[in-house]
Amino acid sequence: MTAPAAAGHSGLGPEVDRLTEPVAVFVRTVREARAHLSALIDRALAGEVVILGRAGQPVARLVACRQPGAMRGQIHIAPDFDELPGDLAEALGAGPAP
């Protein structure tokens, strides 16, 4: 595993820098990921992003899942969310525009 890098400057090329900022750790092989999976999960749970590679090329990110309800109170759905605008409803054949 490589050491943490500065945000946007992983030293692994722009394709990795685009994936996430900052790149916390880059695991170059599947074998390395298997050998350190428990530690990598712990790092993801701590908020770090782990980039998994195959043959030295980045292919996936390991990140912690959000806990159910973690966004409660932070998302607002408009009261008219389910209503189609009249012109769109007419275009889709869902009835005439009001």
C-alpha atoms as a PDB file:
ATOM      1  CA  MET A   1       0.000   0.000   0.000  1.00  0.00           C
ATOM      2  CA  THR A   2       1.214   3.466  -0.720  1.00  0.00           C
ATOM      3  CA  ALA A   3       1.314   6.330   1.744  1.00  0.00           C
ATOM      4  CA  PRO A   4      -1.377   9.011   1.784  1.00  0.00           C
ATOM      5  CA  ALA A   5      -0.917  11.728  -0.815  1.00  0.00           C
ATOM      6  CA  ALA A   6      -1.831  15.376  -1.031  1.00  0.00           C
ATOM      7  CA  ALA A   7      -5.255  16.146  -2.440  1.00  0.00           C
ATOM      8  CA  GLY A   8      -5.247  15.868  -6.214  1.00  0.00           C
ATOM      9  CA  HIS A   9      -1.561  14.931  -6.377  1.00  0.00           C
ATOM     10  CA  SER A  10      -1.337  11.189  -5.898  1.00  0.00           C
ATOM     11  CA  GLY A  11       1.691  10.727  -8.107  1.00  0.00           C
ATOM     12  CA  LEU A  12      -0.279   7.934  -9.802  1.00  0.00           C
ATOM     13  CA  GLY A  13      -1.500   9.997 -12.727  1.00  0.00           C
ATOM     14  CA  PRO A  14      -4.526  12.134 -13.524  1.00  0.00           C
ATOM     15  CA  GLU A  15      -6.858   9.142 -13.818  1.00  0.00           C
ATOM     16  CA  VAL A  16      -6.444   8.431 -10.108  1.00  0.00           C
ATOM     17  CA  ASP A  17      -6.482  12.105  -9.131  1.00  0.00           C
ATOM     18  CA  ARG A  18      -9.889  12.393 -10.844  1.00  0.00           C
ATOM     19  CA  LEU A  19     -11.377   9.502  -8.857  1.00  0.00           C
ATOM     20  CA  THR A  20     -11.255  11.095  -5.463  1.00  0.00           C
ATOM     21  CA  GLU A  21      -9.620  13.835  -3.474  1.00  0.00           C
ATOM     22  CA  PRO A  22      -7.586  13.111  -1.478  1.00  0.00           C
ATOM     23  CA  VAL A  23      -6.379   9.653  -2.432  1.00  0.00           C
ATOM     24  CA  ALA A  24      -5.841   8.088   0.950  1.00  0.00           C
ATOM     25  CA  VAL A  25      -4.319   4.780  -0.059  1.00  0.00           C
ATOM     26  CA  PHE A  26      -3.768   2.998  -3.361  1.00  0.00           C
ATOM     27  CA  VAL A  27      -3.697  -0.800  -3.354  1.00  0.00           C
ATOM     28  CA  ARG A  28      -1.940  -1.906  -6.534  1.00  0.00           C
ATOM     29  CA  THR A  29      -3.019  -5.561  -6.707  1.00  0.00           C
ATOM     30  CA  VAL A  30      -5.952  -7.765  -5.774  1.00  0.00           C
ATOM     31  CA  ARG A  31      -3.568  -9.984  -3.818  1.00  0.00           C
ATOM     32  CA  GLU A  32      -2.492  -7.003  -1.709  1.00  0.00           C
ATOM     33  CA  ALA A  33      -6.141  -6.027  -1.135  1.00  0.00           C
ATOM     34  CA  ARG A  34      -7.015  -9.558   0.020  1.00  0.00           C
ATOM     35  CA  ALA A  35      -4.062  -9.638   2.390  1.00  0.00           C
ATOM     36  CA  HIS A  36      -5.034  -6.315   3.995  1.00  0.00           C
ATOM     37  CA  LEU A  37      -8.822  -6.324   3.548  1.00  0.00           C
ATOM     38  CA  SER A  38      -9.697  -5.922   7.230  1.00  0.00           C
ATOM     39  CA  ALA A  39      -7.324  -2.966   7.612  1.00  0.00           C
ATOM     40  CA  LEU A  40      -8.611  -1.420   4.375  1.00  0.00           C
ATOM     41  CA  ILE A  41     -12.195  -1.684   5.621  1.00  0.00           C
ATOM     42  CA  ASP A  42     -11.169  -0.022   8.888  1.00  0.00           C
ATOM     43  CA  ARG A  43      -9.586   2.829   6.923  1.00  0.00           C
ATOM     44  CA  ALA A  44     -12.736   3.233   4.804  1.00  0.00           C
ATOM     45  CA  LEU A  45     -14.871   3.313   7.967  1.00  0.00           C
ATOM     46  CA  ALA A  46     -12.568   6.037   9.287  1.00  0.00           C
ATOM     47  CA  GLY A  47     -13.435   8.157   6.248  1.00  0.00           C
ATOM     48  CA  GLU A  48     -10.481   7.408   4.010  1.00  0.00           C
ATOM     49  CA  VAL A  49     -10.968   6.447   0.386  1.00  0.00           C
ATOM     50  CA  VAL A  50      -9.152   3.321  -0.711  1.00  0.00           C
ATOM     51  CA  ILE A  51      -8.389   2.919  -4.420  1.00  0.00           C
ATOM     52  CA  LEU A  52      -8.126  -0.708  -5.491  1.00  0.00           C
ATOM     53  CA  GLY A  53      -6.032  -1.625  -8.478  1.00  0.00           C
ATOM     54  CA  ARG A  54      -5.479  -4.501 -10.796  1.00  0.00           C
ATOM     55  CA  ALA A  55      -2.014  -4.849 -12.302  1.00  0.00           C
ATOM     56  CA  GLY A  56      -1.152  -1.412 -10.921  1.00  0.00           C
ATOM     57  CA  GLN A  57      -4.077   0.375 -12.606  1.00  0.00           C
ATOM     58  CA  PRO A  58      -6.915   1.910 -10.536  1.00  0.00           C
ATOM     59  CA  VAL A  59     -10.207   0.040 -11.046  1.00  0.00           C
ATOM     60  CA  ALA A  60     -12.418   0.610  -7.970  1.00  0.00           C
ATOM     61  CA  ARG A  61     -12.932   2.607  -4.778  1.00  0.00           C
ATOM     62  CA  LEU A  62     -13.618   1.176  -1.341  1.00  0.00           C
ATOM     63  CA  VAL A  63     -15.666   3.652   0.699  1.00  0.00           C
ATOM     64  CA  ALA A  64     -17.797   3.350   3.811  1.00  0.00           C
ATOM     65  CA  CYS A  65     -21.555   3.015   3.338  1.00  0.00           C
ATOM     66  CA  ARG A  66     -23.747   5.713   4.778  1.00  0.00           C
ATOM     67  CA  GLN A  67     -25.767   4.656   7.746  1.00  0.00           C
ATOM     68  CA  PRO A  68     -29.574   4.618   7.299  1.00  0.00           C
ATOM     69  CA  GLY A  69     -30.969   7.962   8.376  1.00  0.00           C
ATOM     70  CA  ALA A  70     -27.623   9.751   8.177  1.00  0.00           C
ATOM     71  CA  MET A  71     -29.103  12.365   5.810  1.00  0.00           C
ATOM     72  CA  ARG A  72     -32.325  12.834   7.798  1.00  0.00           C
ATOM     73  CA  GLY A  73     -33.319  16.492   7.890  1.00  0.00           C
ATOM     74  CA  GLN A  74     -30.807  17.415   5.175  1.00  0.00           C
ATOM     75  CA  ILE A  75     -32.911  16.516   2.127  1.00  0.00           C
ATOM     76  CA  HIS A  76     -36.069  18.377   1.130  1.00  0.00           C
ATOM     77  CA  ILE A  77     -38.561  17.106  -1.440  1.00  0.00           C
ATOM     78  CA  ALA A  78     -40.811  19.760  -2.934  1.00  0.00           C
ATOM     79  CA  PRO A  79     -44.560  19.288  -2.379  1.00  0.00           C
ATOM     80  CA  ASP A  80     -45.141  19.155  -6.162  1.00  0.00           C
ATOM     81  CA  PHE A  81     -42.395  16.566  -6.744  1.00  0.00           C
ATOM     82  CA  ASP A  82     -44.770  14.003  -8.298  1.00  0.00           C
ATOM     83  CA  GLU A  83     -46.539  16.476 -10.587  1.00  0.00           C
ATOM     84  CA  LEU A  84     -45.483  16.698 -14.217  1.00  0.00           C
ATOM     85  CA  PRO A  85     -45.330  20.155 -15.767  1.00  0.00           C
ATOM     86  CA  GLY A  86     -48.282  20.582 -18.148  1.00  0.00           C
ATOM     87  CA  ASP A  87     -46.226  20.674 -21.357  1.00  0.00           C
ATOM     88  CA  LEU A  88     -44.319  17.523 -20.384  1.00  0.00           C
ATOM     89  CA  ALA A  89     -47.512  15.698 -19.399  1.00  0.00           C
ATOM     90  CA  GLU A  90     -49.037  16.570 -22.756  1.00  0.00           C
ATOM     91  CA  ALA A  91     -45.894  15.466 -24.617  1.00  0.00           C
ATOM     92  CA  LEU A  92     -45.983  12.126 -22.825  1.00  0.00           C
ATOM     93  CA  GLY A  93     -49.681  11.644 -23.481  1.00  0.00           C
ATOM     94  CA  ALA A  94     -50.582  11.889 -19.819  1.00  0.00           C
ATOM     95  CA  GLY A  95     -53.337  14.425 -20.473  1.00  0.00           C
ATOM     96  CA  PRO A  96     -53.775  17.955 -21.713  1.00  0.00           C
ATOM     97  CA  ALA A  97     -51.784  20.811 -20.273  1.00  0.00           C
ATOM     98  CA  PRO A  98     -53.733  22.707 -17.601  1.00  0.00           C
END
